[in-house]
PDB file of N, CA and C in Angstrom:
ATOM      1  N   UNK A   1     -41.037 155.470 -42.534  1.00  0.00           N
ATOM      2  CA  UNK A   1     -40.706 154.190 -42.462  1.00  0.00           C
ATOM      3  C   UNK A   1     -41.855 153.229 -42.958  1.00  0.00           C
ATOM      4  N   UNK A   2     -41.624 151.676 -43.285  1.00  0.00           N
ATOM      5  CA  UNK A   2     -42.490 151.079 -44.212  1.00  0.00           C
ATOM      6  C   UNK A   2     -42.410 149.555 -43.811  1.00  0.00           C
ATOM      7  N   UNK A   3     -43.428 148.858 -43.200  1.00  0.00           N
ATOM      8  CA  UNK A   3     -43.470 147.192 -42.970  1.00  0.00           C
ATOM      9  C   UNK A   3     -44.199 146.432 -44.242  1.00  0.00           C
ATOM     10  N   UNK A   4     -43.730 145.204 -44.077  1.00  0.00           N
ATOM     11  CA  UNK A   4     -44.245 144.865 -44.971  1.00  0.00           C
ATOM     12  C   UNK A   4     -44.189 143.347 -44.969  1.00  0.00           C
ATOM     13  N   UNK A   5     -45.481 142.294 -45.402  1.00  0.00           N
ATOM     14  CA  UNK A   5     -44.760 140.931 -45.141  1.00  0.00           C
ATOM     15  C   UNK A   5     -44.326 140.311 -46.010  1.00  0.00           C
ATOM     16  N   UNK A   6     -43.710 139.016 -46.018  1.00  0.00           N
ATOM     17  CA  UNK A   6     -43.005 138.338 -47.270  1.00  0.00           C
ATOM     18  C   UNK A   6     -43.914 138.226 -48.728  1.00  0.00           C
ATOM     19  N   UNK A   7     -45.190 138.021 -48.633  1.00  0.00           N
ATOM     20  CA  UNK A   7     -46.133 138.124 -49.615  1.00  0.00           C
ATOM     21  C   UNK A   7     -45.960 139.221 -50.706  1.00  0.00           C
ATOM     22  N   UNK A   8     -46.079 140.450 -49.832  1.00  0.00           N
ATOM     23  CA  UNK A   8     -45.261 141.621 -50.377  1.00  0.00           C
ATOM     24  C   UNK A   8     -44.069 141.973 -51.125  1.00  0.00           C
ATOM     25  N   UNK A   9     -43.285 141.503 -50.395  1.00  0.00           N
ATOM     26  CA  UNK A   9     -41.654 141.311 -50.802  1.00  0.00           C
ATOM     27  C   UNK A   9     -41.639 140.621 -51.928  1.00  0.00           C
ATOM     28  N   UNK A  10     -42.249 139.317 -51.877  1.00  0.00           N
ATOM     29  CA  UNK A  10     -42.086 138.370 -52.938  1.00  0.00           C
ATOM     30  C   UNK A  10     -42.608 139.013 -54.495  1.00  0.00           C
ATOM     31  N   UNK A  11     -43.972 139.467 -54.147  1.00  0.00           N
ATOM     32  CA  UNK A  11     -44.704 140.087 -55.220  1.00  0.00           C
ATOM     33  C   UNK A  11     -43.901 141.355 -55.873  1.00  0.00           C
ATOM     34  N   UNK A  12     -43.290 142.456 -55.141  1.00  0.00           N
ATOM     35  CA  UNK A  12     -42.868 143.634 -55.510  1.00  0.00           C
ATOM     36  C   UNK A  12     -41.239 143.546 -55.915  1.00  0.00           C
ATOM     37  N   UNK A  13     -40.843 142.241 -55.570  1.00  0.00           N
ATOM     38  CA  UNK A  13     -39.280 142.330 -55.790  1.00  0.00           C
ATOM     39  C   UNK A  13     -38.784 140.572 -56.328  1.00  0.00           C
ATOM     40  N   UNK A  14     -37.551 140.850 -56.156  1.00  0.00           N
ATOM     41  CA  UNK A  14     -37.115 139.319 -56.965  1.00  0.00           C
ATOM     42  C   UNK A  14     -36.010 138.437 -55.555  1.00  0.00           C
ATOM     43  N   UNK A  15     -36.230 138.679 -54.304  1.00  0.00           N
ATOM     44  CA  UNK A  15     -35.460 138.725 -52.976  1.00  0.00           C
ATOM     45  C   UNK A  15     -35.901 137.436 -53.010  1.00  0.00           C
ATOM     46  N   UNK A  16     -37.076 136.808 -53.212  1.00  0.00           N
ATOM     47  CA  UNK A  16     -37.326 135.632 -52.302  1.00  0.00           C
ATOM     48  C   UNK A  16     -37.228 134.200 -53.416  1.00  0.00           C
ATOM     49  N   UNK A  17     -36.277 134.721 -54.244  1.00  0.00           N
ATOM     50  CA  UNK A  17     -36.024 133.378 -55.607  1.00  0.00           C
ATOM     51  C   UNK A  17     -35.746 132.349 -54.544  1.00  0.00           C
ATOM     52  N   UNK A  18     -34.457 132.259 -54.269  1.00  0.00           N
ATOM     53  CA  UNK A  18     -33.615 131.442 -53.551  1.00  0.00           C
ATOM     54  C   UNK A  18     -33.648 131.182 -52.212  1.00  0.00           C
ATOM     55  N   UNK A  19     -34.921 131.748 -51.598  1.00  0.00           N
ATOM     56  CA  UNK A  19     -34.526 131.907 -49.862  1.00  0.00           C
ATOM     57  C   UNK A  19     -35.520 130.689 -49.627  1.00  0.00           C
ATOM     58  N   UNK A  20     -35.078 130.001 -48.444  1.00  0.00           N
ATOM     59  CA  UNK A  20     -35.999 128.759 -47.938  1.00  0.00           C
ATOM     60  C   UNK A  20     -37.131 128.803 -47.335  1.00  0.00           C
ATOM     61  N   UNK A  21     -37.281 129.975 -47.118  1.00  0.00           N
ATOM     62  CA  UNK A  21     -38.832 130.316 -46.452  1.00  0.00           C
ATOM     63  C   UNK A  21     -39.747 130.564 -47.207  1.00  0.00           C
ATOM     64  N   UNK A  22     -40.851 130.357 -46.973  1.00  0.00           N
ATOM     65  CA  UNK A  22     -42.123 130.351 -47.999  1.00  0.00           C
ATOM     66  C   UNK A  22     -42.829 131.725 -47.388  1.00  0.00           C
ATOM     67  N   UNK A  23     -42.693 132.634 -48.248  1.00  0.00           N
ATOM     68  CA  UNK A  23     -43.411 133.973 -47.845  1.00  0.00           C
ATOM     69  C   UNK A  23     -44.905 133.934 -47.759  1.00  0.00           C
ATOM     70  N   UNK A  24     -45.707 132.938 -48.041  1.00  0.00           N
ATOM     71  CA  UNK A  24     -47.377 132.843 -47.816  1.00  0.00           C
ATOM     72  C   UNK A  24     -47.284 131.698 -46.516  1.00  0.00           C
ATOM     73  N   UNK A  25     -46.255 131.582 -45.823  1.00  0.00           N
ATOM     74  CA  UNK A  25     -46.529 130.636 -44.469  1.00  0.00           C
ATOM     75  C   UNK A  25     -46.038 131.326 -43.020  1.00  0.00           C
ATOM     76  N   UNK A  26     -47.068 131.549 -42.250  1.00  0.00           N
ATOM     77  CA  UNK A  26     -46.845 132.650 -41.132  1.00  0.00           C
ATOM     78  C   UNK A  26     -46.104 131.730 -39.699  1.00  0.00           C
ATOM     79  N   UNK A  27     -46.389 130.105 -39.911  1.00  0.00           N
ATOM     80  CA  UNK A  27     -45.918 129.435 -38.889  1.00  0.00           C
ATOM     81  C   UNK A  27     -45.318 128.214 -39.386  1.00  0.00           C
ATOM     82  N   UNK A  28     -44.202 127.570 -38.684  1.00  0.00           N
ATOM     83  CA  UNK A  28     -43.586 126.817 -39.188  1.00  0.00           C
ATOM     84  C   UNK A  28     -42.259 126.547 -39.342  1.00  0.00           C
ATOM     85  N   UNK A  29     -41.456 125.714 -39.689  1.00  0.00           N
ATOM     86  CA  UNK A  29     -39.925 125.899 -39.968  1.00  0.00           C
ATOM     87  C   UNK A  29     -39.539 126.606 -41.169  1.00  0.00           C
ATOM     88  N   UNK A  30     -40.705 126.608 -41.999  1.00  0.00           N
ATOM     89  CA  UNK A  30     -40.218 127.213 -43.316  1.00  0.00           C
ATOM     90  C   UNK A  30     -41.060 128.679 -43.691  1.00  0.00           C
ATOM     91  N   UNK A  31     -41.869 128.841 -42.552  1.00  0.00           N
ATOM     92  CA  UNK A  31     -42.566 130.175 -42.443  1.00  0.00           C
ATOM     93  C   UNK A  31     -41.290 131.340 -42.530  1.00  0.00           C
ATOM     94  N   UNK A  32     -42.154 132.314 -43.526  1.00  0.00           N
ATOM     95  CA  UNK A  32     -41.162 133.532 -43.726  1.00  0.00           C
ATOM     96  C   UNK A  32     -41.032 134.532 -42.619  1.00  0.00           C
ATOM     97  N   UNK A  33     -39.942 134.839 -42.128  1.00  0.00           N
ATOM     98  CA  UNK A  33     -39.501 135.554 -40.980  1.00  0.00           C
ATOM     99  C   UNK A  33     -40.269 137.074 -41.397  1.00  0.00           C
ATOM    100  N   UNK A  34     -40.179 137.514 -42.534  1.00  0.00           N
ATOM    101  CA  UNK A  34     -40.753 138.818 -42.686  1.00  0.00           C
ATOM    102  C   UNK A  34     -42.459 138.627 -42.907  1.00  0.00           C
ATOM    103  N   UNK A  35     -43.105 137.733 -42.947  1.00  0.00           N
ATOM    104  CA  UNK A  35     -44.494 137.317 -42.993  1.00  0.00           C
ATOM    105  C   UNK A  35     -45.112 137.299 -41.543  1.00  0.00           C
ATOM    106  N   UNK A  36     -44.317 136.680 -40.682  1.00  0.00           N
ATOM    107  CA  UNK A  36     -44.848 136.399 -39.268  1.00  0.00           C
ATOM    108  C   UNK A  36     -44.027 137.922 -38.170  1.00  0.00           C
ATOM    109  N   UNK A  37     -42.751 138.187 -39.092  1.00  0.00           N
ATOM    110  CA  UNK A  37     -42.300 139.410 -38.053  1.00  0.00           C
ATOM    111  C   UNK A  37     -43.429 140.339 -38.337  1.00  0.00           C
ATOM    112  N   UNK A  38     -44.109 140.605 -39.433  1.00  0.00           N
ATOM    113  CA  UNK A  38     -45.216 141.777 -39.766  1.00  0.00           C
ATOM    114  C   UNK A  38     -46.268 141.706 -38.997  1.00  0.00           C
ATOM    115  N   UNK A  39     -46.444 140.635 -38.631  1.00  0.00           N
ATOM    116  CA  UNK A  39     -47.511 140.248 -37.578  1.00  0.00           C
ATOM    117  C   UNK A  39     -47.208 140.305 -36.005  1.00  0.00           C
ATOM    118  N   UNK A  40     -46.171 139.963 -35.805  1.00  0.00           N
ATOM    119  CA  UNK A  40     -45.546 140.361 -34.290  1.00  0.00           C
ATOM    120  C   UNK A  40     -45.564 141.839 -34.189  1.00  0.00           C
ATOM    121  N   UNK A  41     -44.790 142.608 -35.287  1.00  0.00           N
ATOM    122  CA  UNK A  41     -44.606 143.991 -35.016  1.00  0.00           C
ATOM    123  C   UNK A  41     -45.889 144.599 -34.860  1.00  0.00           C
ATOM    124  N   UNK A  42     -46.937 144.216 -35.607  1.00  0.00           N
ATOM    125  CA  UNK A  42     -48.303 145.097 -35.655  1.00  0.00           C
ATOM    126  C   UNK A  42     -49.023 144.544 -34.310  1.00  0.00           C
ATOM    127  N   UNK A  43     -48.705 143.326 -33.782  1.00  0.00           N
ATOM    128  CA  UNK A  43     -49.255 143.003 -32.449  1.00  0.00           C
ATOM    129  C   UNK A  43     -48.619 143.860 -31.555  1.00  0.00           C
ATOM    130  N   UNK A  44     -47.432 144.329 -31.662  1.00  0.00           N
ATOM    131  CA  UNK A  44     -46.668 144.856 -30.560  1.00  0.00           C
ATOM    132  C   UNK A  44     -46.905 146.249 -30.314  1.00  0.00           C
ATOM    133  N   UNK A  45     -47.099 146.813 -31.634  1.00  0.00           N
ATOM    134  CA  UNK A  45     -47.807 148.412 -31.638  1.00  0.00           C
ATOM    135  C   UNK A  45     -48.961 148.301 -32.265  1.00  0.00           C
ATOM    136  N   UNK A  46     -49.601 147.701 -32.016  1.00  0.00           N
ATOM    137  CA  UNK A  46     -51.257 147.710 -31.811  1.00  0.00           C
ATOM    138  C   UNK A  46     -52.004 148.875 -31.804  1.00  0.00           C
ATOM    139  N   UNK A  47     -51.628 149.517 -30.452  1.00  0.00           N
ATOM    140  CA  UNK A  47     -52.452 150.788 -30.076  1.00  0.00           C
ATOM    141  C   UNK A  47     -52.043 151.927 -31.208  1.00  0.00           C
ATOM    142  N   UNK A  48     -50.974 152.221 -31.070  1.00  0.00           N
ATOM    143  CA  UNK A  48     -50.269 153.315 -32.136  1.00  0.00           C
ATOM    144  C   UNK A  48     -50.935 152.973 -33.641  1.00  0.00           C
ATOM    145  N   UNK A  49     -51.018 151.929 -34.034  1.00  0.00           N
ATOM    146  CA  UNK A  49     -51.519 151.705 -35.387  1.00  0.00           C
ATOM    147  C   UNK A  49     -52.603 151.536 -35.271  1.00  0.00           C
ATOM    148  N   UNK A  50     -53.460 151.095 -34.529  1.00  0.00           N
ATOM    149  CA  UNK A  50     -54.805 151.779 -34.573  1.00  0.00           C
ATOM    150  C   UNK A  50     -55.436 152.765 -34.793  1.00  0.00           C
ATOM    151  N   UNK A  51     -54.707 153.826 -34.019  1.00  0.00           N
ATOM    152  CA  UNK A  51     -55.142 155.211 -34.441  1.00  0.00           C
ATOM    153  C   UNK A  51     -54.601 155.787 -35.490  1.00  0.00           C
ATOM    154  N   UNK A  52     -54.148 155.295 -36.665  1.00  0.00           N
ATOM    155  CA  UNK A  52     -53.593 155.871 -37.624  1.00  0.00           C
ATOM    156  C   UNK A  52     -54.738 155.296 -38.912  1.00  0.00           C
ATOM    157  N   UNK A  53     -55.358 156.070 -39.498  1.00  0.00           N
ATOM    158  CA  UNK A  53     -56.239 155.942 -40.531  1.00  0.00           C
ATOM    159  C   UNK A  53     -55.349 154.692 -41.711  1.00  0.00           C
ATOM    160  N   UNK A  54     -54.100 154.856 -41.986  1.00  0.00           N
ATOM    161  CA  UNK A  54     -53.320 154.319 -42.934  1.00  0.00           C
ATOM    162  C   UNK A  54     -53.022 152.769 -42.515  1.00  0.00           C
ATOM    163  N   UNK A  55     -52.867 152.575 -40.950  1.00  0.00           N
ATOM    164  CA  UNK A  55     -52.262 151.354 -40.845  1.00  0.00           C
ATOM    165  C   UNK A  55     -53.302 150.805 -40.052  1.00  0.00           C
ATOM    166  N   UNK A  56     -54.633 151.417 -39.818  1.00  0.00           N
ATOM    167  CA  UNK A  56     -55.688 150.499 -38.955  1.00  0.00           C
ATOM    168  C   UNK A  56     -56.163 148.930 -39.282  1.00  0.00           C
ATOM    169  N   UNK A  57     -56.288 149.158 -41.008  1.00  0.00           N
ATOM    170  CA  UNK A  57     -56.343 148.012 -41.672  1.00  0.00           C
ATOM    171  C   UNK A  57     -55.650 146.900 -41.183  1.00  0.00           C
ATOM    172  N   UNK A  58     -54.210 147.147 -41.238  1.00  0.00           N
ATOM    173  CA  UNK A  58     -53.220 145.915 -40.708  1.00  0.00           C
ATOM    174  C   UNK A  58     -54.108 145.579 -39.359  1.00  0.00           C
ATOM    175  N   UNK A  59     -54.128 146.301 -38.236  1.00  0.00           N
ATOM    176  CA  UNK A  59     -54.752 145.694 -36.919  1.00  0.00           C
ATOM    177  C   UNK A  59     -55.875 145.271 -37.254  1.00  0.00           C
ATOM    178  N   UNK A  60     -56.862 145.850 -37.838  1.00  0.00           N
ATOM    179  CA  UNK A  60     -57.962 144.412 -38.173  1.00  0.00           C
ATOM    180  C   UNK A  60     -57.873 143.504 -38.687  1.00  0.00           C
ATOM    181  N   UNK A  61     -56.959 143.600 -39.799  1.00  0.00           N
ATOM    182  CA  UNK A  61     -56.223 142.181 -40.610  1.00  0.00           C
ATOM    183  C   UNK A  61     -55.896 141.100 -39.265  1.00  0.00           C
ATOM    184  N   UNK A  62     -55.086 141.872 -38.293  1.00  0.00           N
ATOM    185  CA  UNK A  62     -54.293 141.171 -37.612  1.00  0.00           C
ATOM    186  C   UNK A  62     -55.522 140.116 -36.582  1.00  0.00           C
ATOM    187  N   UNK A  63     -56.403 140.997 -36.397  1.00  0.00           N
ATOM    188  CA  UNK A  63     -57.570 140.606 -35.416  1.00  0.00           C
ATOM    189  C   UNK A  63     -58.458 139.409 -35.838  1.00  0.00           C
ATOM    190  N   UNK A  64     -58.333 139.227 -37.323  1.00  0.00           N
ATOM    191  CA  UNK A  64     -58.936 138.089 -37.982  1.00  0.00           C
ATOM    192  C   UNK A  64     -58.065 136.812 -38.451  1.00  0.00           C
ATOM    193  N   UNK A  65     -56.797 136.999 -37.667  1.00  0.00           N
ATOM    194  CA  UNK A  65     -55.961 135.906 -37.838  1.00  0.00           C
ATOM    195  C   UNK A  65     -56.131 134.643 -36.723  1.00  0.00           C
ATOM    196  N   UNK A  66     -56.661 133.527 -37.374  1.00  0.00           N
ATOM    197  CA  UNK A  66     -56.945 132.364 -36.474  1.00  0.00           C
ATOM    198  C   UNK A  66     -55.482 131.807 -35.580  1.00  0.00           C
ATOM    199  N   UNK A  67     -54.374 132.102 -36.328  1.00  0.00           N
ATOM    200  CA  UNK A  67     -53.274 131.580 -35.901  1.00  0.00           C
ATOM    201  C   UNK A  67     -52.101 132.781 -35.090  1.00  0.00           C
ATOM    202  N   UNK A  68     -53.000 133.641 -34.580  1.00  0.00           N
ATOM    203  CA  UNK A  68     -52.017 134.763 -33.829  1.00  0.00           C
ATOM    204  C   UNK A  68     -51.075 134.365 -33.044  1.00  0.00           C
ATOM    205  N   UNK A  69     -51.723 133.501 -32.243  1.00  0.00           N
ATOM    206  CA  UNK A  69     -51.132 133.142 -30.762  1.00  0.00           C
ATOM    207  C   UNK A  69     -49.804 132.404 -31.213  1.00  0.00           C
ATOM    208  N   UNK A  70     -49.886 131.239 -32.004  1.00  0.00           N
ATOM    209  CA  UNK A  70     -48.878 130.502 -32.692  1.00  0.00           C
ATOM    210  C   UNK A  70     -47.940 131.562 -33.347  1.00  0.00           C
ATOM    211  N   UNK A  71     -48.124 132.693 -34.097  1.00  0.00           N
ATOM    212  CA  UNK A  71     -47.183 133.319 -34.675  1.00  0.00           C
ATOM    213  C   UNK A  71     -46.358 134.112 -33.946  1.00  0.00           C
ATOM    214  N   UNK A  72     -47.135 134.435 -32.842  1.00  0.00           N
ATOM    215  CA  UNK A  72     -46.261 135.370 -31.367  1.00  0.00           C
ATOM    216  C   UNK A  72     -45.513 134.341 -30.770  1.00  0.00           C
ATOM    217  N   UNK A  73     -45.951 133.166 -30.561  1.00  0.00           N
ATOM    218  CA  UNK A  73     -44.750 132.317 -29.780  1.00  0.00           C
ATOM    219  C   UNK A  73     -43.797 131.882 -30.567  1.00  0.00           C
ATOM    220  N   UNK A  74     -44.024 131.740 -31.973  1.00  0.00           N
ATOM    221  CA  UNK A  74     -42.802 131.490 -32.670  1.00  0.00           C
ATOM    222  C   UNK A  74     -41.683 132.667 -32.979  1.00  0.00           C
ATOM    223  N   UNK A  75     -42.395 133.687 -33.116  1.00  0.00           N
ATOM    224  CA  UNK A  75     -41.282 135.093 -33.246  1.00  0.00           C
ATOM    225  C   UNK A  75     -40.583 135.364 -31.861  1.00  0.00           C
ATOM    226  N   UNK A  76     -41.163 135.110 -30.790  1.00  0.00           N
ATOM    227  CA  UNK A  76     -40.663 135.408 -29.888  1.00  0.00           C
ATOM    228  C   UNK A  76     -39.439 134.238 -29.252  1.00  0.00           C
ATOM    229  N   UNK A  77     -39.694 133.220 -29.920  1.00  0.00           N
ATOM    230  CA  UNK A  77     -38.515 131.976 -29.817  1.00  0.00           C
ATOM    231  C   UNK A  77     -37.599 132.089 -31.055  1.00  0.00           C
ATOM    232  N   UNK A  78     -38.036 132.862 -32.132  1.00  0.00           N
ATOM    233  CA  UNK A  78     -36.969 132.656 -33.085  1.00  0.00           C
ATOM    234  C   UNK A  78     -35.616 133.040 -33.038  1.00  0.00           C
ATOM    235  N   UNK A  79     -34.710 132.363 -33.425  1.00  0.00           N
ATOM    236  CA  UNK A  79     -32.963 132.357 -32.916  1.00  0.00           C
ATOM    237  C   UNK A  79     -32.426 132.509 -34.162  1.00  0.00           C
ATOM    238  N   UNK A  80     -32.899 132.705 -35.574  1.00  0.00           N
ATOM    239  CA  UNK A  80     -32.553 132.749 -36.634  1.00  0.00           C
ATOM    240  C   UNK A  80     -33.461 133.542 -37.397  1.00  0.00           C
ATOM    241  N   UNK A  81     -32.774 134.103 -38.696  1.00  0.00           N
ATOM    242  CA  UNK A  81     -33.308 135.106 -39.803  1.00  0.00           C
ATOM    243  C   UNK A  81     -32.948 134.629 -41.190  1.00  0.00           C
TER     244      UNK A  81
END
């Protein structure tokens, strides 16, 4: 299994070209659901991910996000993708 945010998907593929969402944004009407969803997933599975050497960095990065609460609130209310 693999997870990634919108910026990585944008960098490694051509899927973001015509998309209405901004892969660099986590919060807002035009925030990429992959970017915000990545952080919501990381938060939800924090304990498991923190125990793994390869995924520990994602948890550490998440802990530095200043807008994490806003991201989590937005993702819990998301009604479209």
